[in-house]
């Protein structure tokens, strides 16, 4: 399991220019089963994506497709972790 922490490098006006393309990218990866949760940080300085992937190389390939990455809108910090406790039985199904 991975968490991508995005930090915007550009003003929000430029972020917003690519926001719909970024949301389409998110929707594609939700449909593929790659993403578990995502959303903006508060305050709006970036975002967070929880990613289900086999390894870091798979995460890097997924992030390479993000319009925010392609257009140099955000930096990405990738954190790998192993979930050992969680609240929902539904999450057990998602995690496998």
N, C-alpha and C. Protein backbone atom coordinates (compact mmCIF):
# COMPACT_ATOMS: atom_id res chain seq x y z
N UNK A 1 0.86 -1.16 0.00
CA UNK A 1 0.00 0.00 0.00
C UNK A 1 0.91 1.23 0.00
N UNK A 2 0.47 2.24 -0.72
CA UNK A 2 1.26 3.47 -0.85
C UNK A 2 0.35 4.68 -0.66
N UNK A 3 0.95 5.74 -0.18
CA UNK A 3 0.28 7.03 -0.13
C UNK A 3 1.15 8.01 -0.91
N UNK A 4 0.52 8.71 -1.85
CA UNK A 4 1.20 9.77 -2.59
C UNK A 4 0.74 11.09 -1.99
N UNK A 5 1.69 11.88 -1.54
CA UNK A 5 1.40 13.21 -1.01
C UNK A 5 1.86 14.21 -2.05
N UNK A 6 0.89 14.93 -2.63
CA UNK A 6 1.19 15.89 -3.67
C UNK A 6 1.30 17.28 -3.04
N UNK A 7 2.30 18.04 -3.47
CA UNK A 7 2.47 19.42 -3.05
C UNK A 7 2.55 20.28 -4.31
N UNK A 8 1.63 21.23 -4.40
CA UNK A 8 1.59 22.08 -5.59
C UNK A 8 2.84 22.94 -5.69
N UNK A 9 3.36 23.06 -6.91
CA UNK A 9 4.51 23.90 -7.20
C UNK A 9 4.09 25.17 -7.93
N UNK A 10 2.87 25.19 -8.38
CA UNK A 10 2.36 26.31 -9.18
C UNK A 10 1.19 26.96 -8.45
N UNK A 11 0.85 28.20 -8.82
CA UNK A 11 -0.31 28.86 -8.22
C UNK A 11 -1.60 28.10 -8.50
N UNK A 12 -2.59 28.27 -7.62
CA UNK A 12 -3.86 27.55 -7.77
C UNK A 12 -4.53 27.81 -9.11
N UNK A 13 -4.34 28.97 -9.70
CA UNK A 13 -4.93 29.25 -11.01
C UNK A 13 -4.41 28.25 -12.05
N UNK A 14 -3.13 27.91 -11.97
CA UNK A 14 -2.56 26.94 -12.91
C UNK A 14 -2.98 25.52 -12.53
N UNK A 15 -3.04 25.23 -11.24
CA UNK A 15 -3.54 23.93 -10.78
C UNK A 15 -4.93 23.70 -11.36
N UNK A 16 -5.78 24.70 -11.25
CA UNK A 16 -7.16 24.57 -11.70
C UNK A 16 -7.27 24.34 -13.21
N UNK A 17 -6.31 24.80 -13.97
CA UNK A 17 -6.31 24.56 -15.43
C UNK A 17 -6.22 23.07 -15.74
N UNK A 18 -5.57 22.30 -14.88
CA UNK A 18 -5.36 20.87 -15.11
C UNK A 18 -6.23 19.99 -14.21
N UNK A 19 -7.11 20.61 -13.42
CA UNK A 19 -7.88 19.87 -12.42
C UNK A 19 -8.81 18.84 -13.06
N UNK A 20 -9.52 19.19 -14.12
CA UNK A 20 -10.43 18.21 -14.73
C UNK A 20 -9.66 17.03 -15.32
N UNK A 21 -8.53 17.30 -15.96
CA UNK A 21 -7.71 16.21 -16.49
C UNK A 21 -7.20 15.33 -15.35
N UNK A 22 -6.83 15.94 -14.23
CA UNK A 22 -6.38 15.17 -13.06
C UNK A 22 -7.52 14.31 -12.52
N UNK A 23 -8.72 14.87 -12.45
CA UNK A 23 -9.88 14.11 -11.97
C UNK A 23 -10.21 12.95 -12.91
N UNK A 24 -10.07 13.16 -14.20
CA UNK A 24 -10.29 12.07 -15.16
C UNK A 24 -9.26 10.96 -14.95
N UNK A 25 -8.01 11.34 -14.71
CA UNK A 25 -6.94 10.39 -14.41
C UNK A 25 -7.28 9.59 -13.14
N UNK A 26 -7.75 10.31 -12.10
CA UNK A 26 -8.15 9.63 -10.86
C UNK A 26 -9.27 8.63 -11.14
N UNK A 27 -10.29 9.04 -11.89
CA UNK A 27 -11.43 8.17 -12.19
C UNK A 27 -10.98 6.91 -12.93
N UNK A 28 -10.06 7.06 -13.87
CA UNK A 28 -9.54 5.90 -14.60
C UNK A 28 -8.87 4.92 -13.66
N UNK A 29 -8.10 5.43 -12.70
CA UNK A 29 -7.38 4.53 -11.80
C UNK A 29 -8.28 3.97 -10.69
N UNK A 30 -9.33 4.67 -10.33
CA UNK A 30 -10.35 4.06 -9.46
C UNK A 30 -11.00 2.89 -10.19
N UNK A 31 -11.35 3.09 -11.45
CA UNK A 31 -12.00 2.04 -12.24
C UNK A 31 -11.08 0.83 -12.40
N UNK A 32 -9.78 1.07 -12.47
CA UNK A 32 -8.81 -0.02 -12.61
C UNK A 32 -8.50 -0.70 -11.28
N UNK A 33 -8.99 -0.13 -10.17
CA UNK A 33 -8.74 -0.70 -8.85
C UNK A 33 -7.42 -0.28 -8.22
N UNK A 34 -6.78 0.74 -8.79
CA UNK A 34 -5.48 1.19 -8.28
C UNK A 34 -5.60 2.13 -7.08
N UNK A 35 -6.67 2.93 -7.05
CA UNK A 35 -6.81 3.95 -6.02
C UNK A 35 -7.89 3.57 -5.02
N UNK A 36 -7.63 3.87 -3.75
CA UNK A 36 -8.57 3.55 -2.67
C UNK A 36 -9.24 4.81 -2.15
N UNK A 37 -8.49 5.90 -2.05
CA UNK A 37 -9.03 7.17 -1.58
C UNK A 37 -8.14 8.29 -2.09
N UNK A 38 -8.74 9.49 -2.22
CA UNK A 38 -7.97 10.64 -2.65
C UNK A 38 -8.71 11.91 -2.27
N UNK A 39 -7.99 13.01 -2.25
CA UNK A 39 -8.62 14.29 -1.98
C UNK A 39 -7.59 15.37 -1.74
N UNK A 40 -8.07 16.62 -1.69
CA UNK A 40 -7.17 17.74 -1.48
C UNK A 40 -6.74 17.84 -0.02
N UNK A 41 -5.57 18.40 0.18
CA UNK A 41 -5.14 18.75 1.54
C UNK A 41 -5.89 20.00 1.98
N UNK A 42 -5.98 20.19 3.28
CA UNK A 42 -6.56 21.39 3.86
C UNK A 42 -5.51 22.03 4.75
N UNK A 43 -5.05 23.24 4.43
CA UNK A 43 -5.46 24.08 3.32
C UNK A 43 -5.02 23.49 1.98
N UNK A 44 -5.52 24.06 0.90
CA UNK A 44 -5.34 23.50 -0.44
C UNK A 44 -3.93 23.80 -0.97
N UNK A 45 -2.97 23.01 -0.49
CA UNK A 45 -1.58 23.14 -0.91
C UNK A 45 -1.14 21.92 -1.73
N UNK A 46 -2.04 20.98 -1.91
CA UNK A 46 -1.73 19.75 -2.63
C UNK A 46 -2.83 18.74 -2.39
N UNK A 47 -2.51 17.47 -2.53
CA UNK A 47 -3.49 16.42 -2.34
C UNK A 47 -2.85 15.15 -1.83
N UNK A 48 -3.70 14.14 -1.65
CA UNK A 48 -3.26 12.84 -1.15
C UNK A 48 -3.99 11.77 -1.96
N UNK A 49 -3.26 10.72 -2.34
CA UNK A 49 -3.85 9.58 -3.03
C UNK A 49 -3.38 8.31 -2.33
N UNK A 50 -4.32 7.45 -1.92
CA UNK A 50 -3.98 6.14 -1.38
C UNK A 50 -4.02 5.14 -2.54
N UNK A 51 -2.90 4.45 -2.73
CA UNK A 51 -2.71 3.62 -3.92
C UNK A 51 -2.48 2.16 -3.52
N UNK A 52 -3.17 1.27 -4.21
CA UNK A 52 -2.93 -0.16 -4.07
C UNK A 52 -2.08 -0.57 -5.27
N UNK A 53 -0.85 -1.00 -4.99
CA UNK A 53 0.06 -1.39 -6.06
C UNK A 53 1.01 -2.46 -5.55
N UNK A 54 1.53 -3.24 -6.46
CA UNK A 54 2.45 -4.34 -6.11
C UNK A 54 3.78 -3.83 -5.57
N UNK A 55 4.29 -2.74 -6.17
CA UNK A 55 5.61 -2.26 -5.78
C UNK A 55 5.78 -0.80 -6.20
N UNK A 56 6.89 -0.23 -5.84
CA UNK A 56 7.15 1.18 -6.11
C UNK A 56 7.21 1.45 -7.61
N UNK A 57 7.74 0.51 -8.38
CA UNK A 57 7.80 0.70 -9.83
C UNK A 57 6.40 0.88 -10.42
N UNK A 58 5.44 0.12 -9.91
CA UNK A 58 4.05 0.25 -10.38
C UNK A 58 3.49 1.62 -10.01
N UNK A 59 3.79 2.09 -8.80
CA UNK A 59 3.35 3.42 -8.37
C UNK A 59 3.96 4.48 -9.26
N UNK A 60 5.25 4.37 -9.54
CA UNK A 60 5.91 5.36 -10.39
C UNK A 60 5.28 5.40 -11.78
N UNK A 61 4.91 4.24 -12.32
CA UNK A 61 4.26 4.17 -13.63
C UNK A 61 2.88 4.84 -13.59
N UNK A 62 2.16 4.66 -12.50
CA UNK A 62 0.85 5.28 -12.35
C UNK A 62 0.99 6.80 -12.23
N UNK A 63 1.91 7.26 -11.39
CA UNK A 63 2.12 8.69 -11.17
C UNK A 63 2.59 9.36 -12.46
N UNK A 64 3.34 8.66 -13.28
CA UNK A 64 3.84 9.22 -14.54
C UNK A 64 2.69 9.64 -15.46
N UNK A 65 1.51 9.06 -15.27
CA UNK A 65 0.34 9.36 -16.11
C UNK A 65 -0.46 10.57 -15.61
N UNK A 66 -0.19 11.05 -14.41
CA UNK A 66 -0.98 12.13 -13.82
C UNK A 66 -0.70 13.45 -14.55
N UNK A 67 -1.74 14.13 -15.05
CA UNK A 67 -1.53 15.43 -15.68
C UNK A 67 -0.82 16.43 -14.77
N UNK A 68 -0.99 16.33 -13.46
CA UNK A 68 -0.26 17.20 -12.55
C UNK A 68 1.24 16.92 -12.62
N UNK A 69 1.62 15.67 -12.84
CA UNK A 69 3.02 15.31 -12.99
C UNK A 69 3.52 15.70 -14.38
N UNK A 70 2.78 15.35 -15.38
CA UNK A 70 3.18 15.62 -16.77
C UNK A 70 3.40 17.11 -16.99
N UNK A 71 2.56 17.95 -16.38
CA UNK A 71 2.64 19.40 -16.58
C UNK A 71 3.39 20.13 -15.47
N UNK A 72 4.12 19.36 -14.65
CA UNK A 72 4.99 19.92 -13.60
C UNK A 72 4.22 20.81 -12.62
N UNK A 73 3.02 20.37 -12.24
CA UNK A 73 2.16 21.12 -11.33
C UNK A 73 2.46 20.77 -9.87
N UNK A 74 2.86 19.52 -9.60
CA UNK A 74 3.03 19.07 -8.22
C UNK A 74 4.28 18.22 -8.06
N UNK A 75 4.82 18.26 -6.85
CA UNK A 75 5.84 17.29 -6.43
C UNK A 75 5.12 16.16 -5.73
N UNK A 76 5.71 14.97 -5.74
CA UNK A 76 5.10 13.78 -5.15
C UNK A 76 6.05 13.18 -4.13
N UNK A 77 5.54 12.99 -2.93
CA UNK A 77 6.25 12.21 -1.92
C UNK A 77 5.49 10.89 -1.82
N UNK A 78 6.19 9.78 -2.01
CA UNK A 78 5.56 8.46 -1.97
C UNK A 78 5.97 7.76 -0.68
N UNK A 79 4.96 7.31 0.08
CA UNK A 79 5.19 6.61 1.34
C UNK A 79 4.61 5.21 1.20
N UNK A 80 5.43 4.20 1.42
CA UNK A 80 4.95 2.82 1.41
C UNK A 80 4.68 2.40 2.85
N UNK A 81 3.56 1.70 3.05
CA UNK A 81 3.26 1.19 4.38
C UNK A 81 2.47 -0.10 4.27
N UNK A 82 2.46 -0.85 5.37
CA UNK A 82 1.72 -2.09 5.45
C UNK A 82 0.59 -1.92 6.45
N UNK A 83 -0.66 -1.85 5.96
CA UNK A 83 -1.77 -1.69 6.90
C UNK A 83 -1.94 -2.94 7.75
N UNK A 84 -1.94 -2.76 9.04
CA UNK A 84 -2.13 -3.89 9.95
C UNK A 84 -3.41 -3.77 10.77
N UNK A 85 -3.94 -2.55 10.84
CA UNK A 85 -5.21 -2.34 11.52
C UNK A 85 -6.06 -1.40 10.67
N UNK A 86 -7.34 -1.70 10.59
CA UNK A 86 -8.28 -0.84 9.88
C UNK A 86 -9.67 -1.18 10.34
N UNK A 87 -10.62 -0.29 10.08
CA UNK A 87 -11.94 -0.41 10.68
C UNK A 87 -12.95 -1.20 9.87
N UNK A 88 -12.85 -1.17 8.57
CA UNK A 88 -13.92 -1.69 7.73
C UNK A 88 -13.60 -3.07 7.16
N UNK A 89 -14.60 -3.97 7.20
CA UNK A 89 -14.45 -5.25 6.52
C UNK A 89 -14.36 -5.04 5.01
N UNK A 90 -15.00 -3.97 4.51
CA UNK A 90 -14.91 -3.67 3.08
C UNK A 90 -13.47 -3.38 2.67
N UNK A 91 -12.70 -2.74 3.54
CA UNK A 91 -11.32 -2.46 3.23
C UNK A 91 -10.51 -3.76 3.15
N UNK A 92 -10.87 -4.77 3.94
CA UNK A 92 -10.21 -6.08 3.84
C UNK A 92 -10.33 -6.64 2.43
N UNK A 93 -11.52 -6.47 1.82
CA UNK A 93 -11.75 -6.94 0.47
C UNK A 93 -10.87 -6.16 -0.51
N UNK A 94 -10.79 -4.86 -0.35
CA UNK A 94 -10.01 -4.01 -1.24
C UNK A 94 -8.53 -4.37 -1.15
N UNK A 95 -8.04 -4.59 0.07
CA UNK A 95 -6.62 -4.87 0.27
C UNK A 95 -6.24 -6.27 -0.17
N UNK A 96 -7.18 -7.17 -0.20
CA UNK A 96 -6.92 -8.53 -0.64
C UNK A 96 -6.41 -9.45 0.40
